[in-house]
Amino acid sequence: MVPVKLYRFIAKKSLQKDFTLDMVRDVVEEVEVGMSYDEYIEPQLLWATEDKEKIAIALDVERVVPKGAYIMGLFGGEEKRGKLRYAGLVIEGYRFNKGVVSLKLTGLSRVYEIPVQLMKQHNVNLYKLYYRGLINPFKCRTYNVLLSATNDSELKEFLRKFMNFNREVMPEEDSRKLKNLVKELRTNTSLLNPQGHYVIYRCNRAFTACVPTDLNNAISESHTAYIKCRCGGQAYYYAAALNYLAYKVVESKRAFIRDQFARPLITVATAGLSWKDVPKELRIRIAKLSKMLSDRLTWRKYNNQKQALLNIIHEPEFKEIISLFDNYITQSVGEETLSQALDFVSTFRE
């Protein structure tokens, strides 16, 4: 069978609404795509199906998770029609002393005590939660959250016993908030592997990414997504690639789409920035710069991630990462391919 040649049309200048067909022919050029039909259609198939296994293969990573664990009741809730205010599972203060745990849950008025044995009885523990609002480019923090590794029933029973143990010192308002939390909470304790290598990124709007380093009893929440990589170098490389692409969205004055999930990973593959596609020397250098920057930065709060990206552009390591990726795109991939890849995660402003 003779291979099918693919072509696309490129406008040499802007097309106007009042152009005739002959005028369009004069400004449009037919260019050979230079790839097979399967290669051309692969990004569209990844986008249409969001097949996690195929995306993992395209990136040459162990696993792709477009959405972390769903947990309801993290920060409590405000009083709304049909719903009463309730406490949250995020812990604002914690101390252990001689078999007794002192902790303060979000929304409660004070610190309460509980025997550690009661926590063990219901398999309740403190977990580190990677949460969207705590992820910045190359740096992240965690919340401490109270969960049971068994199921929601065990966690609810623990909270009831927690209330009963503190009944003589607990104000009625705190008791009411905890009772409402028991009704509302929904949890998932799917843990990250402490020996694994991960990249975690925001899966709404600006998909900035970091490499988490504290993975003991750690969970990624549903407003984040993550990649499980084959090695530390690969994780730092993909953190750099995702932050680079997020920066290119800002630089090109595009607007991030709302729900990203696996789209940023499809963008990485479509832009030709997969680990297996980039020359070894280049990806090793980028991974090294990414780790250097991750180790050196301190976490800080930003009003938004556009501000965060514009702030770290002044860091020498990120400047070099951008320069290396830009040069590779120009020499090996093409600016048009990058622009088409960014269409998966952003739109041009009207």
Protein backbone atom coordinates (compact mmCIF):
# COMPACT_ATOMS: atom_id res chain seq x y z
CA MET A 1 0.00 0.00 0.00
CA VAL A 2 1.31 3.44 -0.95
CA PRO A 3 1.70 5.63 2.20
CA VAL A 4 -0.87 8.42 2.36
CA LYS A 5 0.69 11.89 2.39
CA LEU A 6 -0.94 14.43 4.67
CA TYR A 7 -1.13 18.14 3.96
CA ARG A 8 -2.39 21.17 5.82
CA PHE A 9 -3.11 24.71 4.73
CA ILE A 10 -1.20 27.61 6.30
CA ALA A 11 -2.31 31.21 5.86
CA LYS A 12 0.60 33.48 4.90
CA LYS A 13 -1.36 36.47 6.25
CA SER A 14 -4.64 37.10 8.04
CA LEU A 15 -7.79 36.04 6.25
CA GLN A 16 -10.64 38.53 6.02
CA LYS A 17 -14.36 37.79 6.09
CA ASP A 18 -14.89 39.46 2.70
CA PHE A 19 -12.21 37.42 0.87
CA THR A 20 -13.32 35.67 -2.30
CA LEU A 21 -12.19 32.09 -3.05
CA ASP A 22 -9.51 33.38 -5.45
CA MET A 23 -8.20 35.77 -2.78
CA VAL A 24 -8.00 32.91 -0.27
CA ARG A 25 -5.99 30.81 -2.78
CA ASP A 26 -3.46 33.64 -3.03
CA VAL A 27 -2.73 33.78 0.73
CA VAL A 28 -3.01 30.10 1.67
CA GLU A 29 -0.11 27.68 1.17
CA GLU A 30 -0.37 23.89 1.08
CA VAL A 31 2.34 22.26 3.23
CA GLU A 32 3.11 18.57 3.71
CA VAL A 33 2.64 17.52 7.35
CA GLY A 34 5.62 15.15 7.34
CA MET A 35 4.14 12.41 9.51
CA SER A 36 1.97 9.34 9.13
CA TYR A 37 -1.79 9.42 9.63
CA ASP A 38 -1.43 7.44 12.89
CA GLU A 39 1.13 9.91 14.23
CA TYR A 40 -1.05 12.85 13.21
CA ILE A 41 -4.24 11.50 14.78
CA GLU A 42 -2.66 10.21 18.03
CA PRO A 43 -2.96 13.49 20.04
CA GLN A 44 -6.61 13.86 19.03
CA LEU A 45 -7.30 10.27 20.10
CA LEU A 46 -5.59 10.85 23.45
CA TRP A 47 -7.68 13.98 23.96
CA ALA A 48 -10.96 12.37 22.89
CA THR A 49 -10.54 9.23 25.00
CA GLU A 50 -8.28 10.52 27.82
CA ASP A 51 -7.07 6.93 28.02
CA LYS A 52 -4.79 6.90 31.07
CA GLU A 53 -2.85 3.84 29.92
CA LYS A 54 -2.17 5.29 26.46
CA ILE A 55 -1.11 8.63 27.93
CA ALA A 56 1.26 6.81 30.31
CA ILE A 57 2.76 4.97 27.34
CA ALA A 58 3.11 8.21 25.37
CA LEU A 59 4.97 9.78 28.30
CA ASP A 60 6.90 6.59 29.16
CA VAL A 61 5.80 6.79 32.82
CA GLU A 62 4.42 4.19 35.24
CA ARG A 63 1.00 5.68 35.81
CA VAL A 64 -1.21 8.68 35.08
CA VAL A 65 -3.93 9.78 37.53
CA PRO A 66 -6.00 12.69 36.10
CA LYS A 67 -7.85 13.26 39.39
CA GLY A 68 -6.80 12.54 42.97
CA ALA A 69 -8.85 11.23 45.89
CA TYR A 70 -12.27 12.74 46.52
CA ILE A 71 -12.70 13.94 50.11
CA MET A 72 -15.77 15.82 51.32
CA GLY A 73 -15.56 17.66 54.62
CA LEU A 74 -11.99 18.96 54.50
CA PHE A 75 -12.62 22.52 55.64
CA GLY A 76 -16.13 22.19 56.99
CA GLY A 77 -19.07 24.04 55.55
CA GLU A 78 -20.90 27.28 55.98
CA GLU A 79 -24.56 27.37 56.82
CA LYS A 80 -26.67 27.23 53.66
CA ARG A 81 -30.25 26.48 52.77
CA GLY A 82 -30.90 22.91 53.84
CA LYS A 83 -27.41 22.48 55.30
CA LEU A 84 -25.97 23.41 58.68
CA ARG A 85 -22.43 24.55 59.39
CA TYR A 86 -20.01 21.72 60.19
CA ALA A 87 -16.40 21.14 61.25
CA GLY A 88 -13.62 20.06 58.89
CA LEU A 89 -11.16 17.17 58.77
CA VAL A 90 -8.14 19.44 58.25
CA ILE A 91 -6.13 19.69 61.48
CA GLU A 92 -5.01 23.16 62.53
CA GLY A 93 -3.04 22.00 65.56
CA TYR A 94 -1.65 18.65 66.73
CA ARG A 95 0.46 17.40 69.65
CA PHE A 96 1.24 13.93 71.05
CA ASN A 97 2.20 13.40 74.69
CA LYS A 98 2.22 10.21 76.79
CA GLY A 99 -0.42 8.31 74.88
CA VAL A 100 -2.75 11.29 74.45
CA VAL A 101 -3.27 13.26 71.24
CA SER A 102 -4.25 16.93 71.41
CA LEU A 103 -5.76 18.27 68.19
CA LYS A 104 -7.88 21.08 66.80
CA LEU A 105 -10.09 20.40 63.80
CA THR A 106 -10.99 23.19 61.38
CA GLY A 107 -14.08 25.08 62.51
CA LEU A 108 -13.91 24.06 66.17
CA SER A 109 -13.34 26.61 68.90
CA ARG A 110 -10.55 24.88 70.81
CA VAL A 111 -8.06 22.01 71.12
CA TYR A 112 -9.40 18.65 72.34
CA GLU A 113 -7.72 15.52 73.64
CA ILE A 114 -8.20 11.89 72.68
CA PRO A 115 -6.34 8.69 73.71
CA VAL A 116 -4.06 7.49 70.92
CA GLN A 117 -5.39 3.99 71.56
CA LEU A 118 -8.82 5.11 70.36
CA MET A 119 -7.29 6.32 67.12
CA LYS A 120 -5.56 2.97 66.63
CA GLN A 121 -8.81 1.13 67.37
CA HIS A 122 -10.50 2.79 64.38
CA ASN A 123 -7.34 2.93 62.21
CA VAL A 124 -7.44 6.74 62.33
CA ASN A 125 -4.29 8.70 61.64
CA LEU A 126 -2.93 11.99 60.36
CA TYR A 127 -2.35 12.12 56.63
CA LYS A 128 -0.49 14.65 54.52
CA LEU A 129 -2.82 16.08 51.89
CA TYR A 130 -1.51 17.55 48.64
CA TYR A 131 -4.11 20.17 47.78
CA ARG A 132 -4.50 22.46 44.76
CA GLY A 133 -4.20 25.70 46.75
CA LEU A 134 -0.82 24.66 48.14
CA ILE A 135 0.83 23.82 44.79
CA ASN A 136 3.11 26.39 43.22
CA PRO A 137 5.57 25.99 40.35
CA PHE A 138 8.31 23.65 41.64
CA LYS A 139 7.17 23.90 45.28
CA CYS A 140 4.27 22.63 47.39
CA ARG A 141 3.09 22.18 50.95
CA THR A 142 0.52 19.90 52.57
CA TYR A 143 -2.38 20.03 54.99
CA ASN A 144 -2.63 17.60 57.88
CA VAL A 145 -5.96 15.78 57.65
CA LEU A 146 -7.69 13.25 59.92
CA LEU A 147 -8.76 10.07 58.10
CA SER A 148 -9.31 6.37 58.69
CA ALA A 149 -7.43 3.89 56.52
CA THR A 150 -10.37 1.47 56.89
CA ASN A 151 -13.53 3.28 55.76
CA ASP A 152 -15.89 6.16 56.47
CA SER A 153 -17.83 4.16 59.03
CA GLU A 154 -14.74 3.80 61.20
CA LEU A 155 -13.95 7.50 60.92
CA LYS A 156 -17.51 8.44 61.83
CA GLU A 157 -17.49 6.11 64.82
CA PHE A 158 -14.19 7.62 65.96
CA LEU A 159 -15.66 11.14 65.75
CA ARG A 160 -18.66 10.07 67.83
CA LYS A 161 -16.33 8.67 70.50
CA PHE A 162 -14.22 11.83 70.21
CA MET A 163 -17.33 13.88 71.06
CA ASN A 164 -18.28 11.59 73.92
CA PHE A 165 -14.76 11.65 75.41
CA ASN A 166 -14.82 15.48 75.44
CA ARG A 167 -18.52 15.96 76.26
CA GLU A 168 -17.86 17.76 79.55
CA VAL A 169 -15.58 20.38 78.02
CA MET A 170 -17.07 20.70 74.52
CA PRO A 171 -19.43 23.64 73.82
CA GLU A 172 -22.75 22.77 72.22
CA GLU A 173 -21.75 24.62 69.04
CA ASP A 174 -18.65 22.45 68.56
CA SER A 175 -20.68 19.31 69.27
CA ARG A 176 -23.25 20.33 66.66
CA LYS A 177 -20.53 20.99 64.05
CA LEU A 178 -18.99 17.57 64.64
CA LYS A 179 -22.36 15.83 64.37
CA ASN A 180 -22.92 17.57 61.04
CA LEU A 181 -19.41 16.58 59.90
CA VAL A 182 -20.27 12.93 60.62
CA LYS A 183 -23.28 13.30 58.30
CA GLU A 184 -21.40 15.07 55.50
CA LEU A 185 -17.95 13.48 55.28
CA ARG A 186 -16.91 11.26 52.36
CA THR A 187 -13.30 10.15 52.17
CA ASN A 188 -10.77 8.16 50.16
CA THR A 189 -7.41 7.09 51.56
CA SER A 190 -5.67 5.97 48.38
CA LEU A 191 -2.06 6.57 49.43
CA LEU A 192 0.91 7.59 47.35
CA ASN A 193 3.79 5.11 47.45
CA PRO A 194 6.48 6.43 49.86
CA GLN A 195 9.16 4.95 47.56
CA GLY A 196 7.57 6.37 44.40
CA HIS A 197 8.55 9.34 42.24
CA TYR A 198 5.66 11.71 41.50
CA VAL A 199 4.76 14.94 39.80
CA ILE A 200 1.64 16.60 41.20
CA TYR A 201 -0.10 19.40 39.33
CA ARG A 202 -3.24 21.51 39.64
CA CYS A 203 -6.01 20.07 37.49
CA ASN A 204 -8.02 23.30 37.29
CA ARG A 205 -6.92 26.26 35.14
CA ALA A 206 -3.16 26.91 35.62
CA PHE A 207 -1.62 23.42 35.79
CA THR A 208 1.52 24.37 37.72
CA ALA A 209 3.46 21.38 39.02
CA CYS A 210 5.88 20.25 41.70
CA VAL A 211 7.69 17.11 42.85
CA PRO A 212 6.45 16.10 46.33
CA THR A 213 9.24 14.93 48.60
CA ASP A 214 7.30 13.93 51.75
CA LEU A 215 5.32 10.85 50.77
CA ASN A 216 4.75 9.06 54.08
CA ASN A 217 0.97 8.79 54.67
CA ALA A 218 0.42 11.15 51.73
CA ILE A 219 -2.68 11.63 49.57
CA SER A 220 -3.34 13.70 46.46
CA GLU A 221 -6.75 15.38 46.59
CA SER A 222 -9.30 15.52 43.74
CA HIS A 223 -8.40 19.07 42.64
CA THR A 224 -4.95 17.79 41.78
CA ALA A 225 -3.65 15.24 39.28
CA TYR A 226 -0.40 13.34 39.25
CA ILE A 227 2.07 11.22 37.31
CA LYS A 228 3.95 8.33 38.85
CA CYS A 229 7.35 8.38 37.18
CA ARG A 230 10.03 5.74 36.71
CA CYS A 231 12.77 7.70 38.48
CA GLY A 232 13.45 10.97 40.26
CA GLY A 233 15.03 12.55 37.21
CA GLN A 234 11.95 11.85 35.13
CA ALA A 235 9.73 13.42 37.81
CA TYR A 236 11.78 16.62 37.90
CA TYR A 237 11.85 16.71 34.10
CA TYR A 238 8.05 16.54 33.84
CA ALA A 239 7.61 19.14 36.57
CA ALA A 240 9.76 21.44 34.43
CA ALA A 241 7.84 20.57 31.24
CA LEU A 242 4.44 21.27 32.83
CA ASN A 243 5.58 24.57 34.35
CA TYR A 244 7.16 25.54 31.03
CA LEU A 245 3.92 24.91 29.15
CA ALA A 246 1.90 26.76 31.79
CA TYR A 247 4.28 29.69 31.39
CA LYS A 248 3.89 29.59 27.60
CA VAL A 249 0.11 29.91 28.05
CA VAL A 250 0.69 33.07 30.12
CA GLU A 251 3.36 34.41 27.80
CA SER A 252 1.13 34.01 24.73
CA LYS A 253 -1.70 35.85 26.55
CA ARG A 254 -4.00 32.88 26.35
CA ALA A 255 -6.61 31.95 28.96
CA PHE A 256 -6.44 28.63 30.80
CA ILE A 257 -9.49 26.43 30.37
CA ARG A 258 -11.23 25.54 33.62
CA ASP A 259 -10.97 21.75 33.89
CA GLN A 260 -7.58 20.33 32.93
CA PHE A 261 -7.31 16.78 34.34
CA ALA A 262 -5.22 14.82 31.76
CA ARG A 263 -5.09 17.63 29.18
CA PRO A 264 -1.71 19.06 30.27
CA LEU A 265 -0.16 15.62 29.78
CA ILE A 266 -1.66 15.37 26.30
CA THR A 267 -0.15 18.82 25.65
CA VAL A 268 3.28 17.56 26.73
CA ALA A 269 3.03 14.60 24.33
CA THR A 270 1.62 16.69 21.47
CA ALA A 271 4.33 19.33 21.84
CA GLY A 272 6.99 16.63 21.41
CA LEU A 273 8.25 17.00 24.99
CA SER A 274 7.77 13.41 26.16
CA TRP A 275 10.70 11.92 28.06
CA LYS A 276 11.35 9.39 25.30
CA ASP A 277 11.23 12.03 22.53
CA VAL A 278 13.69 14.55 23.96
CA PRO A 279 17.47 13.94 23.62
CA LYS A 280 18.98 12.38 26.74
CA GLU A 281 21.46 15.21 27.38
CA LEU A 282 18.68 17.80 27.20
CA ARG A 283 16.27 16.03 29.53
CA ILE A 284 19.04 15.34 32.07
CA ARG A 285 20.04 19.01 32.11
CA ILE A 286 16.42 20.15 32.47
CA ALA A 287 15.79 17.63 35.28
CA LYS A 288 18.90 18.87 37.10
CA LEU A 289 17.80 22.51 36.81
CA SER A 290 14.30 21.57 37.97
CA LYS A 291 15.64 19.83 41.09
CA MET A 292 18.02 22.70 41.86
CA LEU A 293 15.15 25.16 41.66
CA SER A 294 12.80 22.92 43.67
CA ASP A 295 15.40 22.55 46.42
CA ARG A 296 16.20 26.25 46.58
CA LEU A 297 12.74 27.81 46.45
CA THR A 298 10.72 28.46 49.58
CA TRP A 299 6.95 28.10 49.44
CA ARG A 300 4.95 31.32 49.43
CA LYS A 301 1.37 32.35 48.89
CA TYR A 302 0.38 33.96 45.58
CA ASN A 303 -2.87 35.61 44.58
CA ASN A 304 -2.93 33.36 41.51
CA GLN A 305 -0.66 31.07 39.55
CA LYS A 306 -0.12 33.55 36.74
CA GLN A 307 1.58 35.74 39.34
CA ALA A 308 3.58 32.73 40.55
CA LEU A 309 4.82 31.95 37.03
CA LEU A 310 5.72 35.56 36.33
CA ASN A 311 7.60 35.66 39.61
CA ILE A 312 9.77 32.59 39.03
CA ILE A 313 10.67 33.71 35.51
CA HIS A 314 13.33 35.78 37.28
CA GLU A 315 14.95 32.64 38.71
CA PRO A 316 18.08 31.68 36.72
CA GLU A 317 17.21 27.96 36.64
CA PHE A 318 13.74 28.61 35.21
CA LYS A 319 15.17 31.05 32.68
CA GLU A 320 17.49 28.34 31.44
CA ILE A 321 14.70 25.74 31.40
CA ILE A 322 12.61 28.04 29.21
CA SER A 323 15.55 28.76 26.92
CA LEU A 324 16.36 25.04 26.52
CA PHE A 325 12.75 24.10 25.76
CA ASP A 326 12.32 27.10 23.42
CA ASN A 327 15.41 26.15 21.44
CA TYR A 328 14.32 22.53 21.21
CA ILE A 329 10.84 23.54 20.03
CA THR A 330 12.29 25.87 17.40
CA GLN A 331 14.86 23.40 16.08
CA SER A 332 13.05 20.06 16.37
CA VAL A 333 9.31 20.52 16.81
CA GLY A 334 8.13 23.84 15.41
CA GLU A 335 6.29 26.81 16.88
CA GLU A 336 3.07 25.80 15.14
CA THR A 337 3.14 22.38 16.82
CA LEU A 338 3.57 24.05 20.21
CA SER A 339 0.69 26.41 19.49
CA GLN A 340 -1.56 23.51 18.50
CA ALA A 341 -0.56 21.63 21.66
CA LEU A 342 -1.49 24.62 23.84
CA ASP A 343 -4.99 24.51 22.32
CA PHE A 344 -5.69 21.48 24.54
CA VAL A 345 -5.26 23.54 27.73
CA SER A 346 -6.03 27.13 26.76
CA THR A 347 -7.91 29.47 24.46
CA PHE A 348 -7.09 32.84 22.96
CA ARG A 349 -8.87 35.67 24.72
CA GLU A 350 -11.65 37.32 22.77
